[in-house]
Protein backbone atom coordinates (compact mmCIF):
# COMPACT_ATOMS: atom_id res chain seq x y z
CA MET A 1 129.20 157.49 97.10
CA ARG A 2 126.62 154.83 96.27
CA THR A 3 127.60 152.24 93.77
CA GLU A 4 125.45 149.79 91.75
CA VAL A 5 125.74 146.01 91.24
CA VAL A 6 126.73 145.38 87.66
CA ALA A 7 127.45 141.64 87.76
CA MET A 8 127.33 138.60 90.02
CA ASP A 9 128.34 134.96 90.02
CA GLN A 10 127.90 132.04 92.50
CA HIS A 11 130.34 133.53 95.04
CA SER A 12 130.53 137.31 94.60
CA ILE A 13 129.03 140.51 93.28
CA THR A 14 130.82 143.20 91.27
CA LEU A 15 130.08 146.94 91.73
CA ASP A 16 130.24 149.55 89.00
CA ASP A 17 133.53 150.89 90.45
CA GLY A 18 135.13 147.46 89.88
CA THR A 19 135.02 146.36 93.53
CA GLU A 20 134.29 142.61 93.93
CA ILE A 21 132.60 141.56 97.17
CA PRO A 22 132.42 137.92 98.29
CA ALA A 23 128.84 136.86 98.85
CA ASP A 24 127.10 133.56 99.45
CA ILE A 25 123.62 135.09 99.27
CA VAL A 26 122.34 138.48 98.04
CA LEU A 27 119.29 139.99 99.70
CA CYS A 28 117.43 142.52 97.51
CA GLY A 29 115.02 144.92 99.38
CA THR A 30 112.72 145.83 96.53
CA GLY A 31 110.00 147.76 98.37
CA TRP A 32 106.37 147.13 99.18
CA LYS A 33 105.12 146.43 95.71
CA PRO A 34 105.74 142.92 94.25
CA THR A 35 107.13 144.20 90.94
CA TYR A 36 110.54 143.51 89.52
CA PRO A 37 111.39 146.17 86.89
CA PHE A 38 115.04 145.06 86.86
CA PHE A 39 113.95 141.72 85.17
CA SER A 40 113.19 141.63 81.52
CA SER A 41 109.83 140.05 80.48
CA GLY A 42 111.87 137.07 79.34
CA GLN A 43 113.53 136.70 82.74
CA ALA A 44 110.19 137.11 84.49
CA HIS A 45 108.85 134.35 82.33
CA ALA A 46 111.81 132.09 83.07
CA LEU A 47 111.48 132.64 86.86
CA GLY A 48 107.69 132.12 87.00
CA LEU A 49 106.78 135.73 87.80
CA ALA A 50 103.67 137.25 86.29
CA HIS A 51 104.53 138.11 82.78
CA PRO A 52 102.91 138.90 79.37
CA SER A 53 100.99 135.84 78.30
CA GLU A 54 102.39 136.30 74.79
CA ASN A 55 105.79 135.24 76.08
CA ASP A 56 104.50 131.68 76.68
CA THR A 57 104.74 129.09 73.99
CA ALA A 58 101.51 127.51 72.80
CA GLU A 59 102.48 124.34 74.66
CA GLU A 60 103.10 126.29 77.91
CA ARG A 61 99.79 128.14 77.63
CA GLN A 62 97.87 124.87 77.00
CA SER A 63 99.64 123.10 79.89
CA TRP A 64 98.88 125.92 82.40
CA THR A 65 95.33 126.27 81.06
CA ASP A 66 94.78 122.55 81.73
CA LEU A 67 96.37 122.69 85.20
CA LEU A 68 94.31 125.77 86.18
CA LYS A 69 91.08 124.23 84.88
CA ALA A 70 91.63 121.06 86.94
CA ALA A 71 92.64 123.12 89.97
CA ASP A 72 89.62 125.31 89.68
CA GLU A 73 87.30 122.34 89.60
CA ARG A 74 88.97 121.06 92.74
CA VAL A 75 88.58 124.45 94.50
CA VAL A 76 84.88 124.66 93.61
CA THR A 77 84.33 121.03 94.86
CA GLU A 78 86.09 121.82 98.14
CA PHE A 79 84.57 125.31 98.56
CA PRO A 80 81.17 125.35 96.84
CA LEU A 81 80.38 128.85 98.01
CA LEU A 82 83.20 130.16 95.78
CA GLU A 83 81.51 128.90 92.62
CA TYR A 84 79.22 131.96 92.36
CA PRO A 85 81.14 135.17 93.34
CA PRO A 86 79.39 138.42 94.05
CA PRO A 87 79.47 141.22 91.45
CA HIS A 88 83.03 142.37 91.04
CA ARG A 89 85.40 144.24 88.78
CA LYS A 90 87.09 141.80 86.48
CA SER A 91 90.82 142.05 86.06
CA ASP A 92 92.27 141.02 82.73
CA SER A 93 95.71 142.54 82.34
CA GLY A 94 96.99 140.10 79.75
CA THR A 95 99.54 138.65 82.16
CA SER A 96 100.04 135.12 83.35
CA THR A 97 99.43 133.96 86.91
CA SER A 98 102.44 133.90 89.24
CA GLN A 99 104.02 130.43 88.95
CA LEU A 100 106.06 130.30 92.19
CA TYR A 101 105.88 127.32 94.50
CA ASN A 102 104.36 128.51 97.78
CA CYS A 103 104.50 132.02 96.20
CA ILE A 104 108.19 131.91 96.93
CA ALA A 105 110.28 129.54 94.78
CA PRO A 106 110.65 129.34 90.96
CA LEU A 107 110.04 125.81 89.66
CA ASN A 108 113.19 125.63 87.62
CA ASP A 109 115.78 127.81 89.41
CA SER A 110 116.83 126.98 92.96
CA SER A 111 119.24 129.91 93.21
CA ILE A 112 116.62 132.58 93.94
CA ALA A 113 113.53 133.03 96.09
CA PHE A 114 110.92 135.83 96.35
CA LEU A 115 109.93 136.66 99.87
CA GLY A 116 107.05 138.99 100.41
CA HIS A 117 105.64 138.34 96.93
CA ALA A 118 102.28 137.04 98.15
CA HIS A 119 99.65 139.36 99.53
CA LEU A 120 98.77 138.35 103.08
CA ALA A 121 97.31 140.14 106.12
CA ASN A 122 99.93 139.60 108.78
CA SER A 123 103.23 140.67 107.22
CA PHE A 124 105.24 139.94 110.41
CA ARG A 125 104.11 136.31 110.76
CA THR A 126 104.32 135.76 107.06
CA ALA A 127 107.87 137.21 106.81
CA GLU A 128 109.15 135.01 109.63
CA ALA A 129 107.54 131.87 108.15
CA GLN A 130 108.85 132.62 104.68
CA ALA A 131 112.31 133.33 105.98
CA ILE A 132 112.40 129.95 107.80
CA TRP A 133 111.04 128.08 104.82
CA THR A 134 113.58 129.77 102.45
CA THR A 135 116.45 129.03 104.85
CA ALA A 136 115.49 125.33 104.83
CA TYR A 137 115.18 125.47 101.05
CA PHE A 138 118.59 126.99 100.50
CA ASP A 139 120.13 124.76 103.20
CA GLY A 140 118.93 121.71 101.35
CA SER A 141 116.77 120.71 104.36
CA LEU A 142 113.78 120.59 102.05
CA SER A 143 113.25 120.45 98.32
CA LEU A 144 110.34 121.07 95.98
CA PRO A 145 108.11 118.19 95.01
CA PRO A 146 108.56 116.53 91.67
CA GLU A 147 107.79 119.04 88.83
CA GLU A 148 104.35 117.89 87.91
CA GLN A 149 103.26 117.71 91.57
CA ALA A 150 104.76 121.18 92.17
CA LYS A 151 102.92 122.60 89.15
CA LYS A 152 99.59 121.24 90.44
CA GLY A 153 100.29 122.85 93.82
CA VAL A 154 101.02 126.23 92.12
CA ALA A 155 97.89 125.90 90.00
CA TYR A 156 95.69 125.15 93.07
CA MET A 157 96.96 128.23 94.83
CA ASN A 158 96.36 130.27 91.73
CA ALA A 159 92.84 128.96 91.27
CA PHE A 160 91.98 129.46 94.94
CA SER A 161 93.27 133.08 94.81
CA ARG A 162 91.20 133.76 91.75
CA ARG A 163 87.99 132.28 93.23
CA ARG A 164 88.40 133.68 96.75
CA TYR A 165 89.43 137.15 95.58
CA PRO A 166 87.77 137.65 92.14
CA THR A 167 89.10 141.20 91.69
CA ARG A 168 92.53 141.20 93.26
CA GLY A 169 93.38 137.50 92.94
CA ALA A 170 93.93 137.38 89.19
CA ARG A 171 97.69 136.89 89.47
CA GLY A 172 97.12 133.94 91.79
CA ASP A 173 99.14 135.21 94.77
CA TYR A 174 96.54 137.07 96.79
CA LEU A 175 95.79 135.17 100.02
CA PHE A 176 94.92 138.06 102.34
CA PHE A 177 92.77 136.20 104.88
CA GLU A 178 94.65 132.88 104.56
CA THR A 179 97.67 133.93 106.62
CA VAL A 180 97.34 131.16 109.20
CA TRP A 181 96.75 128.44 106.62
CA TYR A 182 99.65 129.66 104.48
CA THR A 183 102.17 130.01 107.29
CA ASP A 184 101.13 126.66 108.81
CA ARG A 185 101.67 125.08 105.42
CA LEU A 186 105.24 126.45 105.19
CA MET A 187 106.10 125.30 108.70
CA GLU A 188 104.62 121.81 108.06
CA GLU A 189 106.90 121.46 105.09
CA VAL A 190 109.89 122.50 107.15
CA GLY A 191 108.76 120.11 109.96
CA LEU A 192 108.40 122.66 112.74
CA LYS A 193 105.59 122.72 115.37
CA SER A 194 106.60 125.00 118.23
CA HIS A 195 104.19 127.74 116.96
CA ARG A 196 101.16 125.52 117.36
CA ARG A 197 98.77 125.93 120.34
CA ARG A 198 99.28 123.70 123.33
CA GLY A 199 96.68 122.56 125.86
CA TRP A 200 93.07 121.98 124.97
CA TRP A 201 92.26 121.17 121.40
CA TRP A 202 90.05 124.27 120.99
CA ASN A 203 92.98 126.59 121.70
CA GLU A 204 94.15 126.01 118.10
CA TRP A 205 90.76 127.17 116.82
CA LEU A 206 89.85 130.04 119.16
CA GLU A 207 93.05 131.76 120.27
CA PRO A 208 94.55 134.51 118.13
CA CYS A 209 97.59 133.80 115.93
CA LEU A 210 100.35 136.29 116.46
CA ALA A 211 103.91 136.91 115.13
CA SER A 212 105.15 136.15 118.64
CA ASP A 213 104.05 132.50 118.15
CA TYR A 214 107.32 132.12 116.18
CA LYS A 215 109.61 133.13 119.05
CA ASP A 216 110.99 129.58 119.45
CA MET A 217 111.20 128.68 115.85
CA VAL A 218 114.82 129.43 115.23
CA ALA A 219 115.90 127.32 118.21
CA GLU A 220 113.60 124.54 117.05
CA TYR A 221 115.02 124.75 113.55
CA ARG A 222 118.67 124.55 114.79
CA GLN A 223 117.86 121.60 117.01
CA LYS A 224 115.88 119.71 114.27
CA TYR A 225 118.68 120.10 111.69
CA SER A 226 121.59 119.91 114.12
CA ILE A 227 122.92 123.39 113.36
CA LEU A 228 125.49 124.67 115.91
CA LYS A 229 125.14 128.21 117.14
């Protein structure tokens, strides 16, 4: 008979039949849609997930408005073509943008991460890169930047998503055609390079990027951080 998780602490989970199971990490397979109905709107707000804007304090709303405005100006400066989008269906759902660092990590809770939250084209490459980044994050091999810098990074990704994808990018986590940039960013933060193209410089620009590029990444990670098999 299936049982449900009714409680958890730092080292175990408790099922509804009273069974307590030791656990260092809990993996939740929540399906294809990046929604989290098991979190209240208050919990979603605290974790940096998209949530009703009314849950933000006036100070929080103003802070993120200022951050997004500055980030949007930077995006338009770096990508002038995005300043004038084509006709599109505007999305105004009354929710905040997603406020996860790298579309994975809450800014104020290092005990949880959201893999698969961002919308990207190559799910296999993305899943591998996010798993490696999150392993390094939970291992303590990398940490988030200082809070203000991390917020600026989140705001930039939000602003780019909104400009690049005017209809679907409203939540700030839609990066469908930026898979290579996004996964390279994650691996750069972890300090891994075995997925990059070798040989002539143009190989990096012209050869296709595949999930199989990551075949040596686990071994490289173990070697870099001196993890025994």
